[in-house]
Amino acid sequence: MPPASTKASTLTLDASSPSSPVAPVSSPDRLEPGRPGYRRMSFALFAAGVATFALLYSTQALLPAVSAGFGATAGQASWTVSAATGALALCVLPMSALSERFGRRQMMTASLTVAVLVGLLVPFAPSLGWLIALRAVQGAALAGLPASAMAYLAEEVRPKALVAAIGLFVAGNSIGGMSGRILTGWIAQLWGWRAALGAVGLLAVACAVVFHFMIPRARHFTPGSLNPRALAKTVGGHLADPLLRRLYAIGALFMTVFGAVYTVIGYRLVGEPFHLPQGVIGSIFLVYLVGTVSSAAAGRLVARLGRRGALYLAVSTTAAGLLLSLADQLIAVLLGLVLITAGFFAGHAVASSSVSRTATTGRAQASALYQSAYYLGSSAGGTLGAIAFHAGGWAGTVTLGLLAVLGVVSITLYGSRVARAERRHLVPMASVQN
């Protein structure tokens, strides 16, 4: 799973009531650079971001070692990743509702505490089944962080400083996702996968301590009531919107490709003809830095090519990377990963930002639904990619990725067709009115 370095969807994710998304209002006591509390808040949320993604994907770089340790297939071991991301996907909406009632700071603290405690138990899992169960609990707990962090920032930070504050949290996600994989890879090579998971747990403990002592208390949170009926109505409205449904599907399919590739790549590189050591395989995740660049360029791509044009470029880049990775030369595989990563992050940035633009009410829930689809795609991609690898090797995983890419193309083409039909319908109507 990728880091959240560019998740435009999270920029609007809050736990506000369905009818009233967070709208920061200028206030003299809100946090901003140079004022008391801003630096503490930045460090606290940066630490929370590091812990979140280090824990969430802690087993991904270790899957070959986990398979060997439990005598499991790639498909079975992949559930240690899929269970965590799947549980997070299912719990984002409920956690957002709870944060509305009990407070953003309280929800983040509770979520991080539970996830860290579970993280300390994970290395001692006596069986693969126990490991998967603990990872599911961990993913469910972590859902409280993305459900609350953006709302906390929107409420506590002055509008002109909000983008910078969000950037630090997202940077924490990115660094946590990347460093966690690299750390586990090298420690597993020296002392085994259980020691690697223990190291991630200790890293998360340190981050949780920093968060607890540095996060400023909330000054602008107003508790709301839990209103399941209103929440269900808003969610139902979003799911009834054809454009939003297409965007959710695009996000899920992009993440299916990404989840499949990065769940299985360790098995590909540890076997014939590469035989790379675990530490080197973990370092492969440095490729994630490419995503930071491509997602930052997504805005310029949309300005030049339009949203659909940017999506076509993203899927073309992803497909080219998948095909290139079929070669048995290491440099070709690495270049393929670069293209897959660049295409995924660009496409995800376009789709997730389009959700925020499309939803005119209940933006928090619209973004939460996108996040749910995104992590369900990660869960499905990890498991299906491993099954495909077991059945047909790396070519099987690539085939799965290409099918998902074809799905994105089909949805985008259909959206273009619908848009053209709507324009043709509107022109005669305008003529009649004139």
Protein backbone atom coordinates (compact mmCIF):
# COMPACT_ATOMS: atom_id res chain seq x y z
CA MET A 1 0.00 0.00 0.00
CA PRO A 2 1.07 3.21 -0.84
CA PRO A 3 1.67 6.06 1.40
CA ALA A 4 -0.88 8.75 1.62
CA SER A 5 1.44 11.35 0.40
CA THR A 6 -0.98 12.46 -2.23
CA LYS A 7 -4.36 11.39 -1.09
CA ALA A 8 -6.47 14.25 -2.14
CA SER A 9 -9.43 12.38 -0.73
CA THR A 10 -8.10 12.78 2.77
CA LEU A 11 -7.96 16.52 2.37
CA THR A 12 -11.70 16.67 2.82
CA LEU A 13 -12.18 13.71 5.11
CA ASP A 14 -13.70 14.79 8.37
CA ALA A 15 -16.24 13.53 10.79
CA SER A 16 -18.70 16.33 10.35
CA SER A 17 -22.38 15.72 10.18
CA PRO A 18 -23.62 14.59 6.79
CA SER A 19 -25.15 17.90 5.93
CA SER A 20 -22.39 20.17 7.09
CA PRO A 21 -18.84 19.43 6.04
CA VAL A 22 -16.05 21.12 7.91
CA ALA A 23 -15.52 24.70 6.83
CA PRO A 24 -12.70 26.39 8.67
CA VAL A 25 -13.58 29.80 10.00
CA SER A 26 -10.91 32.36 10.73
CA SER A 27 -10.36 32.89 14.47
CA PRO A 28 -7.59 34.71 16.31
CA ASP A 29 -6.79 31.70 18.49
CA ARG A 30 -6.46 29.18 15.66
CA LEU A 31 -3.06 27.63 15.06
CA GLU A 32 -0.68 28.94 12.40
CA PRO A 33 3.11 29.02 11.86
CA GLY A 34 4.84 31.13 14.49
CA ARG A 35 2.02 30.85 17.02
CA PRO A 36 2.17 28.72 20.18
CA GLY A 37 1.07 25.16 19.61
CA TYR A 38 1.47 25.02 15.82
CA ARG A 39 4.86 23.32 15.89
CA ARG A 40 3.70 20.90 18.57
CA MET A 41 0.62 20.06 16.52
CA SER A 42 2.72 19.53 13.39
CA PHE A 43 5.14 17.16 15.11
CA ALA A 44 2.29 15.29 16.77
CA LEU A 45 0.39 14.63 13.55
CA PHE A 46 3.58 13.87 11.65
CA ALA A 47 4.34 11.20 14.26
CA ALA A 48 0.80 9.85 14.03
CA GLY A 49 1.13 9.62 10.24
CA VAL A 50 4.41 7.72 10.51
CA ALA A 51 2.93 5.25 13.00
CA THR A 52 -0.26 4.73 10.98
CA PHE A 53 1.33 3.62 7.74
CA ALA A 54 4.31 1.86 9.30
CA LEU A 55 1.85 -0.36 11.19
CA LEU A 56 -0.72 -0.75 8.41
CA TYR A 57 1.73 -2.21 5.89
CA SER A 58 4.27 -3.70 8.31
CA THR A 59 4.00 -7.24 6.91
CA GLN A 60 3.96 -6.38 3.21
CA ALA A 61 7.73 -6.47 2.67
CA LEU A 62 7.96 -9.59 4.86
CA LEU A 63 5.49 -11.85 3.07
CA PRO A 64 8.08 -14.34 1.70
CA ALA A 65 9.53 -14.70 5.21
CA VAL A 66 6.05 -15.05 6.76
CA SER A 67 5.23 -17.74 4.19
CA ALA A 68 8.39 -19.62 5.07
CA GLY A 69 7.81 -19.22 8.80
CA PHE A 70 4.30 -20.67 8.75
CA GLY A 71 4.62 -22.92 5.69
CA ALA A 72 1.94 -20.82 3.97
CA THR A 73 1.29 -19.99 0.34
CA ALA A 74 1.57 -16.46 -1.01
CA GLY A 75 -2.23 -16.17 -1.04
CA GLN A 76 -2.51 -17.21 2.61
CA ALA A 77 0.28 -14.90 3.78
CA SER A 78 -1.17 -11.97 1.83
CA TRP A 79 -4.11 -11.89 4.24
CA THR A 80 -1.80 -10.36 6.83
CA VAL A 81 -1.95 -7.22 4.67
CA SER A 82 -5.46 -7.59 3.26
CA ALA A 83 -7.04 -8.11 6.69
CA ALA A 84 -5.61 -4.83 7.97
CA THR A 85 -6.54 -2.73 4.93
CA GLY A 86 -9.94 -4.39 4.60
CA ALA A 87 -10.81 -3.74 8.25
CA LEU A 88 -9.70 -0.11 7.89
CA ALA A 89 -11.92 0.26 4.82
CA LEU A 90 -14.96 -1.07 6.66
CA CYS A 91 -14.41 1.07 9.76
CA VAL A 92 -13.66 4.51 8.26
CA LEU A 93 -17.31 5.62 8.17
CA PRO A 94 -18.23 4.41 11.68
CA MET A 95 -15.07 5.97 13.10
CA SER A 96 -15.87 9.29 11.44
CA ALA A 97 -19.29 9.25 13.13
CA LEU A 98 -17.73 8.45 16.53
CA SER A 99 -15.25 11.29 16.21
CA GLU A 100 -18.15 13.66 15.65
CA ARG A 101 -19.60 12.60 18.98
CA PHE A 102 -16.51 12.07 21.16
CA GLY A 103 -13.94 14.41 19.63
CA ARG A 104 -11.16 14.25 17.04
CA ARG A 105 -8.29 14.32 19.54
CA GLN A 106 -9.85 11.63 21.71
CA MET A 107 -10.53 9.39 18.70
CA MET A 108 -7.01 9.76 17.35
CA THR A 109 -5.50 9.02 20.76
CA ALA A 110 -7.67 5.96 21.34
CA SER A 111 -7.10 4.61 17.82
CA LEU A 112 -3.34 5.02 17.97
CA THR A 113 -3.12 3.51 21.46
CA VAL A 114 -5.07 0.39 20.51
CA ALA A 115 -3.16 -0.05 17.24
CA VAL A 116 0.20 0.27 19.01
CA LEU A 117 -0.75 -2.20 21.73
CA VAL A 118 -1.84 -4.71 19.11
CA GLY A 119 1.41 -4.00 17.24
CA LEU A 120 3.38 -5.16 20.26
CA LEU A 121 1.45 -8.44 20.27
CA VAL A 122 1.79 -9.10 16.52
CA PRO A 123 5.39 -10.47 16.65
CA PHE A 124 4.28 -13.16 19.11
CA ALA A 125 1.40 -14.53 17.00
CA PRO A 126 1.57 -18.33 17.40
CA SER A 127 -0.03 -19.09 14.03
CA LEU A 128 -0.88 -17.47 10.75
CA GLY A 129 -4.54 -17.34 11.78
CA TRP A 130 -3.70 -15.39 14.93
CA LEU A 131 -1.44 -13.07 12.96
CA ILE A 132 -4.24 -12.32 10.48
CA ALA A 133 -6.74 -11.73 13.30
CA LEU A 134 -4.42 -9.33 15.12
CA ARG A 135 -3.76 -7.45 11.90
CA ALA A 136 -7.52 -7.07 11.30
CA VAL A 137 -7.96 -5.56 14.77
CA GLN A 138 -5.02 -3.26 14.09
CA GLY A 139 -6.52 -2.06 10.79
CA ALA A 140 -9.89 -1.39 12.41
CA ALA A 141 -8.20 0.66 15.13
CA LEU A 142 -6.16 2.67 12.64
CA ALA A 143 -9.35 3.72 10.83
CA GLY A 144 -9.89 6.31 13.55
CA LEU A 145 -6.87 8.34 12.47
CA PRO A 146 -7.72 9.28 8.87
CA ALA A 147 -11.32 9.69 10.01
CA SER A 148 -10.32 12.37 12.54
CA ALA A 149 -7.01 14.01 11.60
CA MET A 150 -8.28 16.13 8.72
CA ALA A 151 -11.28 17.33 10.71
CA TYR A 152 -9.01 18.27 13.62
CA LEU A 153 -6.78 20.30 11.32
CA ALA A 154 -9.73 22.00 9.62
CA GLU A 155 -11.13 23.02 12.99
CA GLU A 156 -7.92 24.05 14.78
CA VAL A 157 -5.69 25.58 12.07
CA ARG A 158 -6.18 28.94 10.37
CA PRO A 159 -7.28 28.50 6.73
CA LYS A 160 -4.15 30.05 5.23
CA ALA A 161 -1.95 27.54 7.12
CA LEU A 162 -4.15 24.50 6.53
CA VAL A 163 -2.46 23.21 3.37
CA ALA A 164 0.97 23.25 5.03
CA ALA A 165 -0.37 21.47 8.12
CA ILE A 166 -2.04 18.79 6.01
CA GLY A 167 1.18 18.42 4.03
CA LEU A 168 3.10 17.51 7.18
CA PHE A 169 0.55 14.86 8.14
CA VAL A 170 0.61 13.42 4.62
CA ALA A 171 4.42 13.46 4.69
CA GLY A 172 4.25 11.41 7.86
CA ASN A 173 2.05 8.89 6.07
CA SER A 174 4.49 8.67 3.19
CA ILE A 175 7.58 8.31 5.35
CA GLY A 176 5.88 5.79 7.61
CA GLY A 177 4.75 3.65 4.70
CA MET A 178 8.15 3.67 3.05
CA SER A 179 10.43 3.51 6.09
CA GLY A 180 8.38 0.77 7.72
CA ARG A 181 8.90 -1.49 4.73
CA ILE A 182 12.61 -0.71 4.45
CA LEU A 183 13.15 -1.16 8.20
CA THR A 184 11.40 -4.53 8.27
CA GLY A 185 13.30 -5.74 5.23
CA TRP A 186 16.77 -5.19 6.69
CA ILE A 187 15.93 -6.32 10.23
CA ALA A 188 14.26 -9.46 8.89
CA GLN A 189 17.42 -10.26 6.93
CA LEU A 190 19.50 -10.04 10.11
CA TRP A 191 17.19 -11.36 12.85
CA GLY A 192 14.00 -12.68 11.25
CA TRP A 193 10.54 -11.37 10.48
CA ARG A 194 9.30 -11.44 14.07
CA ALA A 195 12.10 -9.12 15.14
CA ALA A 196 11.23 -6.86 12.20
CA LEU A 197 7.60 -6.59 13.29
CA GLY A 198 8.78 -5.92 16.84
CA ALA A 199 10.92 -3.05 15.58
CA VAL A 200 7.91 -1.52 13.81
CA GLY A 201 5.93 -1.87 17.02
CA LEU A 202 8.61 -0.02 19.00
CA LEU A 203 8.77 2.70 16.34
CA ALA A 204 5.01 3.10 16.66
CA VAL A 205 5.28 3.29 20.48
CA ALA A 206 7.77 6.16 20.15
CA CYS A 207 5.46 7.93 17.69
CA ALA A 208 2.45 7.43 19.96
CA VAL A 209 4.31 8.92 22.93
CA VAL A 210 5.29 11.96 20.85
CA PHE A 211 1.69 12.34 19.70
CA HIS A 212 0.23 12.04 23.21
CA PHE A 213 2.47 14.68 24.77
CA MET A 214 2.57 17.13 21.87
CA ILE A 215 -0.94 17.24 20.39
CA PRO A 216 -2.66 20.46 21.55
CA ARG A 217 -6.10 20.15 23.06
CA ALA A 218 -9.00 20.91 20.74
CA ARG A 219 -10.38 24.43 21.17
CA HIS A 220 -12.98 24.54 18.41
CA PHE A 221 -14.60 21.11 18.46
CA THR A 222 -18.33 21.07 19.15
CA PRO A 223 -19.72 17.61 19.96
CA GLY A 224 -22.51 16.43 17.72
CA SER A 225 -25.04 13.68 18.07
CA LEU A 226 -24.80 10.29 16.47
CA ASN A 227 -27.47 10.29 13.78
CA PRO A 228 -27.35 6.99 11.90
CA ARG A 229 -30.40 7.87 9.82
CA ALA A 230 -28.91 11.12 8.51
CA LEU A 231 -25.57 9.40 7.87
CA ALA A 232 -27.28 6.58 5.96
CA LYS A 233 -29.25 9.09 3.89
CA THR A 234 -26.10 11.00 2.92
CA VAL A 235 -24.17 7.83 2.11
CA GLY A 236 -27.10 6.52 0.07
CA GLY A 237 -27.20 9.77 -1.87
CA HIS A 238 -23.52 9.52 -2.74
CA LEU A 239 -23.83 5.89 -3.81
CA ALA A 240 -26.79 6.86 -6.04
CA ASP A 241 -24.66 9.42 -7.90
CA PRO A 242 -23.37 7.75 -11.12
CA LEU A 243 -20.25 9.92 -11.35
CA LEU A 244 -19.25 9.27 -7.74
CA ARG A 245 -19.79 5.54 -8.25
CA ARG A 246 -17.46 5.63 -11.24
CA LEU A 247 -14.82 7.51 -9.25
CA TYR A 248 -15.06 5.02 -6.37
CA ALA A 249 -14.63 2.15 -8.84
CA ILE A 250 -11.63 3.84 -10.47
CA GLY A 251 -9.96 4.33 -7.10
CA ALA A 252 -10.59 0.70 -6.15
CA LEU A 253 -9.26 -0.62 -9.47
CA PHE A 254 -6.11 1.51 -9.37
CA MET A 255 -5.44 0.27 -5.85
CA THR A 256 -6.10 -3.32 -6.93
CA VAL A 257 -3.17 -3.00 -9.34
CA PHE A 258 -0.94 -1.36 -6.77
CA GLY A 259 -1.85 -3.74 -3.97
CA ALA A 260 -1.28 -6.78 -6.16
CA VAL A 261 2.09 -5.62 -7.44
CA TYR A 262 3.59 -4.59 -4.12
CA THR A 263 2.21 -7.57 -2.23
CA VAL A 264 3.74 -10.05 -4.67
CA ILE A 265 6.93 -8.27 -5.74
CA GLY A 266 8.85 -9.74 -2.81
CA TYR A 267 8.08 -13.28 -3.98
CA ARG A 268 9.14 -12.34 -7.51
CA LEU A 269 12.50 -10.91 -6.43
CA VAL A 270 13.40 -13.54 -3.85
CA GLY A 271 13.01 -16.33 -6.42
CA GLU A 272 14.43 -17.14 -9.85
CA PRO A 273 16.29 -15.50 -11.50
CA PHE A 274 16.99 -12.67 -9.01
CA HIS A 275 17.52 -14.26 -5.56
CA LEU A 276 17.65 -10.87 -3.83
CA PRO A 277 18.10 -10.76 -0.03
CA GLN A 278 15.26 -9.51 2.18
CA GLY A 279 16.95 -6.20 2.98
CA VAL A 280 17.37 -5.29 -0.68
CA ILE A 281 13.76 -6.24 -1.39
CA GLY A 282 12.63 -3.90 1.39
CA SER A 283 14.67 -1.10 -0.13
CA ILE A 284 12.71 -1.50 -3.38
CA PHE A 285 9.98 0.51 -1.69
CA LEU A 286 12.09 3.63 -2.16
CA VAL A 287 10.34 3.66 -5.54
CA TYR A 288 7.42 5.20 -3.64
CA LEU A 289 9.24 8.52 -3.87
CA VAL A 290 8.35 8.52 -7.57
CA GLY A 291 4.71 8.70 -6.54
CA THR A 292 5.31 11.92 -4.65
CA VAL A 293 6.52 13.54 -7.86
CA SER A 294 3.79 12.15 -10.12
CA SER A 295 0.97 13.03 -7.76
CA ALA A 296 2.29 16.57 -7.38
CA ALA A 297 2.20 16.82 -11.18
CA ALA A 298 -1.39 15.56 -11.36
CA GLY A 299 -2.82 19.08 -11.06
CA ARG A 300 -0.78 20.28 -14.02
CA LEU A 301 -1.80 17.21 -16.02
CA VAL A 302 -5.48 17.91 -15.39
CA ALA A 303 -5.02 21.56 -16.38
CA ARG A 304 -3.44 20.51 -19.65
CA LEU A 305 -5.31 17.30 -20.54
CA GLY A 306 -8.51 17.45 -18.52
CA ARG A 307 -9.49 14.86 -15.92
CA ARG A 308 -10.19 12.09 -18.40
CA GLY A 309 -7.04 12.83 -20.37
CA ALA A 310 -4.98 12.65 -17.18
CA LEU A 311 -6.62 9.33 -16.30
CA TYR A 312 -5.82 7.92 -19.75
CA LEU A 313 -2.20 8.94 -19.34
CA ALA A 314 -2.09 7.38 -15.86
CA VAL A 315 -3.52 4.04 -16.98
CA SER A 316 -1.24 3.96 -20.04
CA THR A 317 1.80 4.52 -17.82
CA THR A 318 0.62 1.84 -15.39
CA ALA A 319 -0.01 -0.68 -18.18
CA ALA A 320 3.41 0.01 -19.72
CA GLY A 321 5.03 -0.62 -16.34
CA LEU A 322 3.18 -3.90 -15.90
CA LEU A 323 4.30 -5.15 -19.31
CA LEU A 324 7.89 -4.03 -18.76
CA SER A 325 8.05 -5.84 -15.43
CA LEU A 326 7.55 -9.16 -17.22
CA ALA A 327 11.19 -9.10 -18.34
CA ASP A 328 13.69 -11.20 -16.40
CA GLN A 329 16.22 -8.36 -16.15
CA LEU A 330 16.31 -6.58 -12.79
CA ILE A 331 16.67 -3.12 -14.35
CA ALA A 332 13.53 -3.75 -16.45
CA VAL A 333 11.58 -4.85 -13.37
CA LEU A 334 12.69 -1.73 -11.47
CA LEU A 335 11.76 0.55 -14.37
CA GLY A 336 8.42 -1.21 -14.55
CA LEU A 337 7.84 -0.52 -10.86
CA VAL A 338 8.71 3.15 -11.43
CA LEU A 339 6.09 3.42 -14.20
CA ILE A 340 3.45 1.50 -12.22
CA THR A 341 4.03 3.71 -9.18
CA ALA A 342 3.98 6.95 -11.18
CA GLY A 343 0.81 5.96 -13.03
CA PHE A 344 -0.97 4.80 -9.90
CA PHE A 345 -0.27 7.91 -7.85
CA ALA A 346 -1.23 10.24 -10.69
CA GLY A 347 -4.48 8.37 -11.35
CA HIS A 348 -5.34 8.16 -7.67
CA ALA A 349 -4.71 11.88 -7.21
CA VAL A 350 -7.02 12.72 -10.13
CA ALA A 351 -9.82 10.39 -9.02
CA SER A 352 -9.74 11.30 -5.33
CA SER A 353 -9.67 15.04 -5.96
CA SER A 354 -12.58 14.63 -8.38
CA VAL A 355 -14.65 13.15 -5.56
CA SER A 356 -14.26 16.34 -3.54
CA ARG A 357 -15.14 18.42 -6.58
CA THR A 358 -18.20 16.33 -7.47
CA ALA A 359 -19.82 16.09 -4.02
CA THR A 360 -21.64 19.33 -3.23
CA THR A 361 -22.92 18.18 0.17
CA GLY A 362 -21.62 15.66 2.68
CA ARG A 363 -18.08 15.90 1.34
CA ALA A 364 -16.72 14.17 4.44
CA GLN A 365 -18.80 11.09 3.76
CA ALA A 366 -18.08 11.22 0.02
CA SER A 367 -14.37 11.16 0.76
CA ALA A 368 -14.79 8.44 3.39
CA LEU A 369 -16.57 6.28 0.82
CA TYR A 370 -13.71 6.82 -1.61
CA GLN A 371 -11.25 5.81 1.08
CA SER A 372 -13.29 2.71 1.81
CA ALA A 373 -13.28 1.74 -1.87
CA TYR A 374 -9.57 2.51 -2.06
CA TYR A 375 -8.63 0.24 0.84
CA LEU A 376 -11.02 -2.48 -0.27
CA GLY A 377 -9.17 -2.37 -3.59
CA SER A 378 -5.90 -2.73 -1.69
CA SER A 379 -7.25 -5.71 0.22
CA ALA A 380 -8.64 -7.38 -2.89
CA GLY A 381 -5.51 -6.64 -4.92
CA GLY A 382 -3.20 -8.11 -2.30
CA THR A 383 -5.15 -11.36 -2.00
CA LEU A 384 -6.05 -11.80 -5.68
CA GLY A 385 -2.56 -10.82 -6.78
CA ALA A 386 -1.05 -13.49 -4.53
CA ILE A 387 -3.52 -16.11 -5.76
CA ALA A 388 -2.73 -15.17 -9.36
CA PHE A 389 0.99 -15.41 -8.60
CA HIS A 390 0.54 -18.87 -7.08
CA ALA A 391 -1.42 -20.00 -10.15
CA GLY A 392 0.59 -18.40 -12.95
CA GLY A 393 3.70 -16.74 -11.53
CA TRP A 394 4.41 -13.07 -12.07
CA ALA A 395 2.61 -13.21 -15.42
CA GLY A 396 -0.56 -14.11 -13.52
CA THR A 397 -0.23 -11.06 -11.29
CA VAL A 398 0.45 -8.83 -14.30
CA THR A 399 -2.64 -10.23 -16.04
CA LEU A 400 -4.75 -9.31 -13.01
CA GLY A 401 -3.26 -5.80 -13.07
CA LEU A 402 -3.97 -5.38 -16.77
CA LEU A 403 -7.58 -6.45 -16.26
CA ALA A 404 -7.95 -3.81 -13.55
CA VAL A 405 -6.38 -1.21 -15.86
CA LEU A 406 -8.83 -2.24 -18.58
CA GLY A 407 -11.62 -1.66 -16.07
CA VAL A 408 -10.39 1.90 -15.45
CA VAL A 409 -10.25 2.56 -19.20
CA SER A 410 -13.76 1.16 -19.71
CA ILE A 411 -15.22 3.28 -16.90
CA THR A 412 -13.48 6.42 -18.20
CA LEU A 413 -14.67 5.79 -21.76
CA TYR A 414 -18.21 5.28 -20.49
CA GLY A 415 -17.98 8.52 -18.51
CA SER A 416 -16.84 10.37 -21.64
CA ARG A 417 -19.77 8.93 -23.58
CA VAL A 418 -22.24 9.99 -20.88
CA ALA A 419 -20.76 13.50 -20.78
CA ARG A 420 -21.06 13.88 -24.56
CA ALA A 421 -24.68 12.70 -24.45
CA GLU A 422 -25.48 15.21 -21.71
CA ARG A 423 -23.90 18.03 -23.71
CA ARG A 424 -25.93 17.08 -26.79
CA HIS A 425 -29.07 17.09 -24.66
CA LEU A 426 -28.31 20.46 -23.10
CA VAL A 427 -27.65 22.28 -26.40
CA PRO A 428 -31.16 21.75 -27.83
CA MET A 429 -32.68 22.66 -24.45
CA ALA A 430 -30.72 25.92 -24.42
CA SER A 431 -31.91 26.68 -27.96
CA VAL A 432 -35.53 26.15 -26.97
CA GLN A 433 -35.16 28.42 -23.94
CA ASN A 434 -33.59 31.15 -26.07
